[in-house]
Amino acid sequence: MNFKQWLILSEAITVDGKEFREPLNALRHIQETHPNPENIFVTFTAIDKVGINPKSGYDTPLGIYFYPLDYVVKNEMNVPFAGDKPYINVCEFTRPDKILHMNPDIENQKGLELLDIFPKEEVDAAIESLENNYELRSNYSKLWLITREIAGNKPVLWNANLRKCGIDGFVDHNTKTIHESEPTQGVVFTGTALRRILVIPQILRKPLPDINKITVHQIENLLKNRNLFNTDIQKFLDDAKNKDEIARIIIQYKPELSNEDIYTLLYYAENKDEIARILGSDNINKLSNDDIYGLLRLTKNKDEMAGIFSSDNINKLSDENVFNLLIYTKNKGQMARILGPDNINKLTAKNVSDLLEYASRHKKMAEMAEILGQENINKLTNSGVYNLLRNAYDIEEMARILGKENIDKLSGNTVLGLLRYASNKDQMARILGKGYASNKDQMARILGKENIEKIHK
């Protein structure tokens, strides 16, 4: 230990008049006592300063990137990136109302109206480009990516575009919008959006050895005697030439396996059945719904991974987990079989609407309808039925899948809207009795006489 390290150890961390020796304990105290801990975040820096680096080489908008305080505390400061930097900076938002929170509940993510400051043709062109290359998960994903397209993917202009929208920053709560490999993180686009309230120097740990160049005995000692984070376990397994051998050593000698460790061991294992057997059901049952979702989504052999979990574990999945698995998995029939009816029946009306709209765009309506079943399709609301019929690529097929019970949910106003705006046109002027240059004989046939009569009531 050099003098600087000794000095850091000997200096207490003072928060609200209380002294702490461990940074994590100081962060826990802030989380427990601050009146608005959701507005507190942590950023790790190489120098004793928080600011925007104009020479950043990352393919993201210029900004100050951070982790929410609750995420840092929950993971015991074991963060995916920059956690080994010498300064821990605790900051708070100066204008929390200008921070957009990306939550997995996509129904609560508004924001596209903020794009009104840009010419409509630029926004439309950006949306068209994105729809061909991305699965847009939410309005926040659209806002994030559209501003990038308008900026020509230039980090400085992207930053400027987001600030033009009146946004100070984003906090991504596990939606992977900012970056796929760091689902939880945040960014502010200007230094005035934050206030640093505490800086904590930390001692840098020794770099990890090359797992392929040390003996089994040395690996055992490392696991027994060094406080290893989950990122350390990830690095070992990522680098290891014989991943299963290293996995077995980790399971045997690491004093305690966290659910993050268990996730990592199963993810990297080549013989997942064997590693699962060694882990045992008690360890596998530690996995959270998000862990199970991640393993099912990212593992190539999904049947093998599903076989490792008990039905109780698979049934931990939330409605949003189920929705994302059905959206992002190529073999949707296989995934539906793995999930089973109990999980598919968790889907909300909004989930069902989004899945049917997705299937319509990709011309896979029959497959999706079979996966969902009529009971789930009947969860649709009046507005859900309206949007699906209005945006359908094949209105006849969509109407057949929805069925009369759902079409009869339409109100007079939504019936009128469909007759006015539907894309199949030839003599609607005669049907409506007005001078609309759009005929919807097909739509009128789908809606039926009873729905048409609603318009006049």
Protein backbone atom coordinates (compact mmCIF):
# COMPACT_ATOMS: atom_id res chain seq x y z
CA MET A 1 0.00 0.00 0.00
CA ASN A 2 1.44 3.37 -1.02
CA PHE A 3 1.05 6.64 0.89
CA LYS A 4 -1.91 7.84 -1.20
CA GLN A 5 -3.81 4.61 -0.56
CA TRP A 6 -3.06 4.82 3.17
CA LEU A 7 -4.30 8.43 3.18
CA ILE A 8 -7.56 7.44 1.50
CA LEU A 9 -8.10 4.64 4.02
CA SER A 10 -7.37 6.89 6.96
CA GLU A 11 -9.77 9.64 5.83
CA ALA A 12 -13.39 9.14 6.88
CA ILE A 13 -16.29 9.83 4.51
CA THR A 14 -18.58 12.39 6.13
CA VAL A 15 -22.27 12.53 5.22
CA ASP A 16 -24.71 14.65 7.26
CA GLY A 17 -22.19 14.77 10.09
CA LYS A 18 -21.80 10.98 10.18
CA GLU A 19 -18.52 9.27 9.37
CA PHE A 20 -18.14 6.16 7.20
CA ARG A 21 -15.08 4.14 6.26
CA GLU A 22 -16.67 2.19 3.41
CA PRO A 23 -18.03 4.07 0.33
CA LEU A 24 -20.93 1.63 0.02
CA ASN A 25 -22.12 2.39 3.56
CA ALA A 26 -22.01 6.12 2.79
CA LEU A 27 -24.12 5.54 -0.34
CA ARG A 28 -26.61 3.42 1.62
CA HIS A 29 -26.96 6.22 4.17
CA ILE A 30 -27.69 8.75 1.42
CA GLN A 31 -30.26 6.41 -0.13
CA GLU A 32 -32.02 5.88 3.21
CA THR A 33 -32.02 9.51 4.38
CA HIS A 34 -32.28 11.70 1.26
CA PRO A 35 -35.84 13.02 0.72
CA ASN A 36 -35.67 12.26 -3.03
CA PRO A 37 -33.20 9.41 -3.58
CA GLU A 38 -34.61 8.85 -7.09
CA ASN A 39 -32.92 12.14 -8.05
CA ILE A 40 -29.48 10.97 -6.85
CA PHE A 41 -26.99 9.23 -9.09
CA VAL A 42 -23.37 8.13 -9.14
CA THR A 43 -20.73 8.67 -11.81
CA PHE A 44 -17.19 7.27 -11.69
CA THR A 45 -14.36 9.46 -13.05
CA ALA A 46 -10.61 9.30 -13.57
CA ILE A 47 -10.15 12.86 -12.24
CA ASP A 48 -11.68 14.82 -9.39
CA LYS A 49 -14.20 16.51 -11.69
CA VAL A 50 -17.57 15.83 -13.30
CA GLY A 51 -18.11 17.19 -16.78
CA ILE A 52 -18.66 16.41 -20.45
CA ASN A 53 -15.66 15.13 -22.37
CA PRO A 54 -15.90 16.75 -25.85
CA LYS A 55 -13.46 14.18 -27.25
CA SER A 56 -15.53 11.16 -26.28
CA GLY A 57 -15.23 8.44 -28.92
CA TYR A 58 -18.42 6.57 -28.09
CA ASP A 59 -21.35 6.20 -30.50
CA THR A 60 -23.73 7.96 -28.10
CA PRO A 61 -24.70 11.61 -27.58
CA LEU A 62 -22.16 13.69 -25.72
CA GLY A 63 -23.05 13.76 -22.08
CA ILE A 64 -22.26 12.75 -18.52
CA TYR A 65 -23.14 9.08 -18.04
CA PHE A 66 -24.05 7.66 -14.65
CA TYR A 67 -25.84 4.96 -12.68
CA PRO A 68 -28.92 5.58 -10.49
CA LEU A 69 -28.08 5.47 -6.78
CA ASP A 70 -30.45 2.55 -6.07
CA TYR A 71 -28.79 0.49 -8.82
CA VAL A 72 -25.29 1.16 -7.43
CA VAL A 73 -26.33 0.25 -3.88
CA LYS A 74 -28.27 -2.85 -4.94
CA ASN A 75 -25.25 -4.10 -6.89
CA GLU A 76 -22.81 -3.14 -4.11
CA MET A 77 -20.94 -0.78 -6.45
CA ASN A 78 -20.38 -3.66 -8.87
CA VAL A 79 -21.26 -1.71 -12.02
CA PRO A 80 -20.59 -2.76 -15.62
CA PHE A 81 -18.42 0.19 -16.67
CA ALA A 82 -15.90 2.58 -15.07
CA GLY A 83 -16.48 1.30 -11.53
CA ASP A 84 -12.72 1.00 -11.08
CA LYS A 85 -12.10 4.72 -11.58
CA PRO A 86 -10.46 6.53 -8.62
CA TYR A 87 -13.33 8.96 -7.89
CA ILE A 88 -16.90 8.16 -6.92
CA ASN A 89 -19.07 11.24 -7.54
CA VAL A 90 -22.50 11.46 -5.94
CA CYS A 91 -24.69 13.98 -7.78
CA GLU A 92 -28.29 15.14 -7.90
CA PHE A 93 -30.44 16.52 -10.70
CA THR A 94 -30.91 20.28 -10.59
CA ARG A 95 -34.04 20.10 -12.77
CA PRO A 96 -35.58 16.66 -12.14
CA ASP A 97 -38.70 17.61 -14.13
CA LYS A 98 -36.53 17.68 -17.29
CA ILE A 99 -35.29 14.12 -16.79
CA LEU A 100 -37.19 11.40 -18.69
CA HIS A 101 -37.36 8.01 -16.98
CA MET A 102 -37.43 5.05 -19.35
CA ASN A 103 -39.39 2.33 -17.59
CA PRO A 104 -40.28 -1.16 -18.83
CA ASP A 105 -43.95 -0.09 -18.70
CA ILE A 106 -43.99 1.34 -22.22
CA GLU A 107 -47.55 2.68 -21.83
CA ASN A 108 -46.22 5.43 -19.55
CA GLN A 109 -43.51 6.65 -21.92
CA LYS A 110 -44.74 9.75 -23.70
CA GLY A 111 -42.52 12.19 -25.50
CA LEU A 112 -42.92 12.14 -29.29
CA GLU A 113 -44.66 15.51 -29.13
CA LEU A 114 -41.23 16.94 -28.19
CA LEU A 115 -40.16 16.34 -31.81
CA ASP A 116 -42.51 19.08 -33.03
CA ILE A 117 -39.54 21.49 -33.04
CA PHE A 118 -38.09 19.64 -36.06
CA PRO A 119 -39.51 19.81 -39.63
CA LYS A 120 -42.14 17.09 -40.07
CA GLU A 121 -40.48 15.74 -43.22
CA GLU A 122 -37.20 15.18 -41.29
CA VAL A 123 -39.02 13.31 -38.53
CA ASP A 124 -41.02 11.20 -41.01
CA ALA A 125 -37.85 10.31 -42.96
CA ALA A 126 -36.10 9.32 -39.72
CA ILE A 127 -39.02 7.12 -38.64
CA GLU A 128 -39.12 5.39 -42.02
CA SER A 129 -35.39 4.70 -41.86
CA LEU A 130 -35.63 3.35 -38.30
CA GLU A 131 -38.61 1.08 -38.94
CA ASN A 132 -36.55 -0.77 -41.52
CA ASN A 133 -33.65 -1.38 -39.14
CA TYR A 134 -34.91 -1.37 -35.53
CA GLU A 135 -37.67 -2.79 -33.42
CA LEU A 136 -38.86 0.42 -31.75
CA ARG A 137 -39.72 -0.62 -28.20
CA SER A 138 -41.37 2.55 -26.95
CA ASN A 139 -41.87 6.24 -27.58
CA TYR A 140 -38.66 6.92 -25.64
CA SER A 141 -36.77 4.56 -27.94
CA LYS A 142 -38.22 6.46 -30.89
CA LEU A 143 -37.33 9.83 -29.38
CA TRP A 144 -33.77 8.65 -28.66
CA LEU A 145 -33.20 7.18 -32.13
CA ILE A 146 -35.05 9.81 -34.19
CA THR A 147 -32.93 12.61 -32.71
CA ARG A 148 -29.86 10.55 -33.61
CA GLU A 149 -31.03 10.08 -37.22
CA ILE A 150 -31.72 13.81 -37.60
CA ALA A 151 -28.21 14.50 -36.24
CA GLY A 152 -26.63 12.18 -38.80
CA ASN A 153 -25.31 10.04 -35.94
CA LYS A 154 -22.94 12.85 -34.84
CA PRO A 155 -22.63 12.84 -31.00
CA VAL A 156 -22.39 16.65 -30.68
CA LEU A 157 -25.46 17.29 -32.87
CA TRP A 158 -27.33 14.45 -31.18
CA ASN A 159 -26.71 16.14 -27.83
CA ALA A 160 -27.95 19.45 -29.28
CA ASN A 161 -31.10 17.84 -30.70
CA LEU A 162 -32.07 16.34 -27.36
CA ARG A 163 -31.49 19.65 -25.58
CA LYS A 164 -33.66 21.38 -28.22
CA CYS A 165 -36.45 19.04 -27.14
CA GLY A 166 -36.21 20.59 -23.66
CA ILE A 167 -34.66 17.46 -22.12
CA ASP A 168 -31.85 17.52 -19.56
CA GLY A 169 -31.33 13.78 -19.67
CA PHE A 170 -32.62 10.22 -19.50
CA VAL A 171 -32.57 7.51 -16.85
CA ASP A 172 -32.93 4.05 -18.35
CA HIS A 173 -34.45 1.60 -15.86
CA ASN A 174 -33.60 -1.70 -17.58
CA THR A 175 -35.01 -1.06 -21.10
CA LYS A 176 -31.62 -1.16 -22.91
CA THR A 177 -32.46 1.99 -24.86
CA ILE A 178 -29.23 3.87 -24.16
CA HIS A 179 -27.08 0.77 -24.68
CA GLU A 180 -27.94 -2.91 -25.12
CA SER A 181 -25.16 -4.11 -22.82
CA GLU A 182 -25.98 -1.67 -19.99
CA PRO A 183 -29.76 -1.85 -19.49
CA THR A 184 -29.70 0.41 -16.42
CA GLN A 185 -27.86 3.72 -16.67
CA GLY A 186 -28.47 7.40 -17.32
CA VAL A 187 -27.11 10.47 -19.07
CA VAL A 188 -27.42 14.24 -18.79
CA PHE A 189 -26.59 16.49 -21.72
CA THR A 190 -25.28 19.56 -19.90
CA GLY A 191 -23.22 20.17 -16.76
CA THR A 192 -25.90 22.51 -15.39
CA ALA A 193 -28.29 19.54 -15.13
CA LEU A 194 -26.43 18.21 -12.08
CA ARG A 195 -24.94 19.25 -8.78
CA ARG A 196 -22.15 17.21 -7.19
CA ILE A 197 -22.90 16.70 -3.49
CA LEU A 198 -20.11 14.30 -2.51
CA VAL A 199 -16.87 12.94 -3.93
CA ILE A 200 -15.30 9.76 -2.53
CA PRO A 201 -11.76 8.71 -3.50
CA GLN A 202 -11.38 4.96 -3.79
CA ILE A 203 -8.38 2.62 -3.84
CA LEU A 204 -7.95 0.93 -7.18
CA ARG A 205 -7.88 -2.84 -7.02
CA LYS A 206 -5.13 -4.90 -8.54
CA PRO A 207 -5.93 -5.96 -12.10
CA LEU A 208 -7.24 -9.49 -12.43
CA PRO A 209 -4.77 -12.10 -13.71
CA ASP A 210 -5.23 -13.86 -17.05
CA ILE A 211 -7.40 -16.83 -16.11
CA ASN A 212 -5.66 -18.96 -18.75
CA LYS A 213 -2.17 -18.34 -17.31
CA ILE A 214 -2.62 -19.26 -13.66
CA THR A 215 -2.91 -22.66 -12.00
CA VAL A 216 -6.07 -24.18 -10.61
CA HIS A 217 -4.65 -23.72 -7.12
CA GLN A 218 -4.12 -20.00 -7.79
CA ILE A 219 -7.70 -19.68 -9.08
CA GLU A 220 -8.99 -21.38 -5.91
CA ASN A 221 -7.04 -18.97 -3.70
CA LEU A 222 -8.29 -16.01 -5.72
CA LEU A 223 -11.90 -17.12 -5.30
CA LYS A 224 -11.50 -17.83 -1.58
CA ASN A 225 -9.50 -14.77 -0.56
CA ARG A 226 -10.44 -11.90 -2.86
CA ASN A 227 -13.73 -10.04 -2.87
CA LEU A 228 -14.73 -10.67 -6.49
CA PHE A 229 -17.55 -8.79 -8.17
CA ASN A 230 -19.92 -10.30 -10.72
CA THR A 231 -18.05 -8.40 -13.45
CA ASP A 232 -14.89 -10.28 -12.37
CA ILE A 233 -16.71 -13.59 -12.81
CA GLN A 234 -17.95 -12.41 -16.21
CA LYS A 235 -14.41 -11.55 -17.28
CA PHE A 236 -13.04 -14.90 -16.11
CA LEU A 237 -15.66 -16.84 -18.06
CA ASP A 238 -15.49 -14.58 -21.09
CA ASP A 239 -11.70 -15.02 -21.29
CA ALA A 240 -11.54 -18.71 -20.32
CA LYS A 241 -10.61 -21.20 -23.01
CA ASN A 242 -12.34 -23.99 -21.07
CA LYS A 243 -15.41 -22.20 -19.74
CA ASP A 244 -17.02 -25.22 -18.11
CA GLU A 245 -13.89 -26.11 -16.15
CA ILE A 246 -13.62 -22.56 -14.81
CA ALA A 247 -17.37 -22.57 -14.05
CA ARG A 248 -16.98 -25.74 -11.96
CA ILE A 249 -14.08 -24.21 -10.01
CA ILE A 250 -16.07 -21.01 -9.37
CA ILE A 251 -19.07 -22.99 -8.08
CA GLN A 252 -16.86 -25.07 -5.80
CA TYR A 253 -14.68 -22.36 -4.31
CA LYS A 254 -16.49 -19.00 -4.43
CA PRO A 255 -17.80 -18.58 -0.85
CA GLU A 256 -21.24 -17.36 -1.94
CA LEU A 257 -22.89 -17.24 -5.35
CA SER A 258 -25.14 -14.26 -6.04
CA ASN A 259 -28.02 -14.53 -8.49
CA GLU A 260 -25.86 -12.44 -10.89
CA ASP A 261 -23.10 -15.07 -10.59
CA ILE A 262 -25.59 -17.87 -11.30
CA TYR A 263 -26.90 -16.01 -14.35
CA THR A 264 -23.32 -15.54 -15.64
CA LEU A 265 -22.37 -19.19 -15.05
CA LEU A 266 -25.39 -20.45 -17.00
CA TYR A 267 -24.97 -17.88 -19.76
CA TYR A 268 -21.32 -18.76 -20.48
CA ALA A 269 -21.49 -22.51 -19.85
CA GLU A 270 -21.07 -24.68 -22.93
CA ASN A 271 -22.70 -27.70 -21.29
CA LYS A 272 -25.49 -25.85 -19.53
CA ASP A 273 -27.22 -29.03 -18.32
CA GLU A 274 -24.09 -30.11 -16.45
CA ILE A 275 -23.43 -26.70 -14.90
CA ALA A 276 -27.10 -26.47 -13.88
CA ARG A 277 -26.84 -29.88 -12.20
CA ILE A 278 -23.76 -28.73 -10.25
CA LEU A 279 -25.47 -25.48 -9.26
CA GLY A 280 -28.54 -27.34 -8.04
CA SER A 281 -32.14 -26.20 -7.80
CA ASP A 282 -31.53 -24.06 -4.69
CA ASN A 283 -29.13 -21.83 -6.64
CA ILE A 284 -31.24 -21.77 -9.81
CA ASN A 285 -34.28 -20.76 -7.76
CA LYS A 286 -32.40 -17.58 -6.74
CA LEU A 287 -32.80 -16.23 -10.27
CA SER A 288 -35.19 -13.31 -10.67
CA ASN A 289 -37.78 -12.95 -13.42
CA ASP A 290 -35.40 -10.62 -15.30
CA ASP A 291 -32.58 -13.17 -15.00
CA ILE A 292 -34.82 -15.89 -16.45
CA TYR A 293 -35.99 -13.53 -19.20
CA GLY A 294 -32.39 -12.65 -20.12
CA LEU A 295 -31.27 -16.28 -20.27
CA LEU A 296 -34.25 -17.35 -22.38
CA ARG A 297 -33.80 -14.44 -24.74
CA LEU A 298 -30.02 -14.54 -25.18
CA THR A 299 -29.29 -18.29 -25.11
CA LYS A 300 -29.18 -19.95 -28.53
CA ASN A 301 -30.56 -23.31 -27.35
CA LYS A 302 -33.76 -22.05 -25.77
CA ASP A 303 -35.25 -25.51 -25.24
CA GLU A 304 -32.16 -26.58 -23.28
CA MET A 305 -32.32 -23.44 -21.16
CA ALA A 306 -36.05 -23.85 -20.54
CA GLY A 307 -35.41 -27.43 -19.43
CA ILE A 308 -33.00 -26.16 -16.77
CA PHE A 309 -35.72 -24.07 -15.14
CA SER A 310 -38.68 -25.51 -13.30
CA SER A 311 -42.15 -24.39 -14.36
CA ASP A 312 -42.23 -22.30 -11.17
CA ASN A 313 -39.18 -20.38 -12.36
CA ILE A 314 -40.57 -19.81 -15.85
CA ASN A 315 -43.81 -18.64 -14.26
CA LYS A 316 -41.87 -15.88 -12.46
CA LEU A 317 -41.86 -13.97 -15.76
CA SER A 318 -43.79 -10.69 -15.81
CA ASP A 319 -46.23 -9.72 -18.57
CA GLU A 320 -43.52 -7.41 -19.96
CA ASN A 321 -40.97 -10.26 -19.96
CA VAL A 322 -43.45 -12.45 -21.87
CA PHE A 323 -44.20 -9.66 -24.34
CA ASN A 324 -40.50 -9.01 -25.03
CA LEU A 325 -39.73 -12.71 -25.47
CA LEU A 326 -42.48 -13.01 -28.06
CA ILE A 327 -41.37 -9.84 -29.86
CA TYR A 328 -37.63 -10.48 -29.97
CA THR A 329 -37.47 -14.26 -30.49
CA LYS A 330 -37.32 -15.34 -34.14
CA ASN A 331 -38.98 -18.72 -33.54
CA LYS A 332 -42.12 -17.42 -31.85
CA GLY A 333 -43.91 -20.77 -31.94
CA GLN A 334 -41.06 -22.37 -30.00
CA MET A 335 -41.05 -19.54 -27.47
CA ALA A 336 -44.82 -19.73 -27.03
CA ARG A 337 -44.49 -23.45 -26.29
CA ILE A 338 -41.75 -22.76 -23.71
CA LEU A 339 -43.77 -20.02 -22.03
CA GLY A 340 -47.01 -21.98 -21.89
CA PRO A 341 -50.57 -20.66 -21.64
CA ASP A 342 -50.22 -19.41 -18.05
CA ASN A 343 -47.53 -16.93 -19.09
CA ILE A 344 -49.18 -15.93 -22.37
CA ASN A 345 -52.40 -15.21 -20.49
CA LYS A 346 -50.47 -12.62 -18.42
CA LEU A 347 -50.37 -10.34 -21.47
CA THR A 348 -52.24 -7.06 -21.13
CA ALA A 349 -54.57 -5.58 -23.74
CA LYS A 350 -51.75 -3.22 -24.78
CA ASN A 351 -49.34 -6.17 -25.12
CA VAL A 352 -51.85 -8.02 -27.31
CA SER A 353 -52.43 -4.95 -29.48
CA ASP A 354 -48.68 -4.37 -29.96
CA LEU A 355 -48.06 -8.04 -30.81
CA LEU A 356 -50.85 -8.10 -33.39
CA GLU A 357 -49.60 -4.85 -34.92
CA TYR A 358 -46.08 -6.29 -35.08
CA ALA A 359 -47.43 -9.46 -36.73
CA SER A 360 -49.37 -7.40 -39.25
CA ARG A 361 -46.24 -5.47 -40.28
CA HIS A 362 -44.28 -8.72 -40.69
CA LYS A 363 -47.17 -10.63 -42.35
CA LYS A 364 -47.35 -13.25 -39.59
CA MET A 365 -50.88 -12.63 -38.38
CA ALA A 366 -52.05 -16.25 -38.43
CA GLU A 367 -49.06 -17.43 -36.34
CA MET A 368 -49.51 -14.67 -33.77
CA ALA A 369 -53.26 -15.21 -33.52
CA GLU A 370 -52.68 -18.90 -32.81
CA ILE A 371 -50.09 -18.06 -30.14
CA LEU A 372 -52.34 -15.52 -28.40
CA GLY A 373 -55.64 -17.38 -28.63
CA GLN A 374 -59.06 -15.77 -28.82
CA GLU A 375 -59.27 -15.25 -25.05
CA ASN A 376 -56.29 -12.89 -25.16
CA ILE A 377 -57.41 -11.21 -28.38
CA ASN A 378 -60.72 -10.46 -26.68
CA LYS A 379 -58.85 -8.36 -24.08
CA LEU A 380 -58.60 -5.61 -26.72
CA THR A 381 -60.31 -2.31 -26.02
CA ASN A 382 -62.31 -0.17 -28.43
CA SER A 383 -59.23 1.95 -29.22
CA GLY A 384 -57.06 -1.17 -29.62
CA VAL A 385 -59.44 -2.65 -32.22
CA TYR A 386 -59.62 0.72 -34.00
CA ASN A 387 -55.83 1.10 -34.22
CA LEU A 388 -55.33 -2.46 -35.44
CA LEU A 389 -57.93 -2.10 -38.20
CA ARG A 390 -56.72 1.31 -39.21
CA ASN A 391 -53.04 0.32 -39.44
CA ALA A 392 -53.45 -3.26 -40.71
CA TYR A 393 -51.53 -4.24 -43.82
CA ASP A 394 -54.32 -6.70 -44.65
CA ILE A 395 -57.58 -5.39 -43.25
CA GLU A 396 -59.58 -8.48 -44.24
CA GLU A 397 -57.21 -10.81 -42.38
CA MET A 398 -57.08 -8.51 -39.34
CA ALA A 399 -60.87 -8.37 -39.21
CA ARG A 400 -61.10 -12.16 -39.43
CA ILE A 401 -58.62 -12.59 -36.57
CA LEU A 402 -60.29 -9.97 -34.39
CA GLY A 403 -63.74 -11.51 -34.90
CA LYS A 404 -67.18 -9.95 -34.66
CA GLU A 405 -67.09 -9.71 -30.85
CA ASN A 406 -64.14 -7.32 -30.98
CA ILE A 407 -65.33 -5.36 -34.00
CA ASP A 408 -68.64 -4.79 -32.20
CA LYS A 409 -66.70 -3.03 -29.40
CA LEU A 410 -66.19 -0.07 -31.74
CA SER A 411 -67.98 3.13 -30.82
CA GLY A 412 -69.70 5.37 -33.34
CA ASN A 413 -66.73 7.73 -33.44
CA THR A 414 -64.22 4.96 -34.07
CA VAL A 415 -66.44 3.47 -36.79
CA LEU A 416 -66.56 6.88 -38.46
CA GLY A 417 -62.80 7.24 -38.07
CA LEU A 418 -62.21 3.89 -39.79
CA LEU A 419 -64.51 4.75 -42.65
CA ARG A 420 -62.74 8.06 -43.07
CA TYR A 421 -59.09 7.02 -42.70
CA ALA A 422 -58.74 3.36 -43.70
CA SER A 423 -56.23 2.72 -46.47
CA ASN A 424 -58.46 0.62 -48.82
CA LYS A 425 -60.29 3.22 -50.90
CA ASP A 426 -62.57 3.38 -53.91
CA GLN A 427 -66.11 4.81 -53.43
CA MET A 428 -66.36 5.95 -49.81
CA ALA A 429 -67.85 9.27 -50.91
CA ARG A 430 -71.06 7.40 -51.78
CA ILE A 431 -71.05 5.43 -48.49
CA LEU A 432 -70.55 8.48 -46.29
CA GLY A 433 -72.72 10.74 -48.40
CA LYS A 434 -69.99 13.41 -48.36
CA GLY A 435 -67.27 14.43 -50.73
CA TYR A 436 -64.48 12.30 -49.27
CA ALA A 437 -62.14 11.09 -51.99
CA SER A 438 -61.92 7.68 -50.32
CA ASN A 439 -64.23 4.73 -50.64
CA LYS A 440 -64.22 1.97 -48.07
CA ASP A 441 -66.57 -0.66 -49.42
CA GLN A 442 -64.24 -3.25 -47.92
CA MET A 443 -64.19 -1.51 -44.53
CA ALA A 444 -67.96 -1.05 -44.58
CA ARG A 445 -68.36 -4.78 -45.27
CA ILE A 446 -66.04 -5.62 -42.36
CA LEU A 447 -67.84 -3.32 -39.94
CA GLY A 448 -71.31 -4.52 -40.89
CA LYS A 449 -74.64 -2.79 -40.89
CA GLU A 450 -74.96 -2.61 -37.07
CA ASN A 451 -71.67 -0.70 -36.71
CA ILE A 452 -72.43 1.61 -39.63
CA GLU A 453 -75.72 2.50 -37.94
CA LYS A 454 -73.83 3.61 -34.81
CA ILE A 455 -72.48 6.57 -36.77
CA HIS A 456 -75.93 8.10 -37.06
CA LYS A 457 -76.82 7.70 -33.38
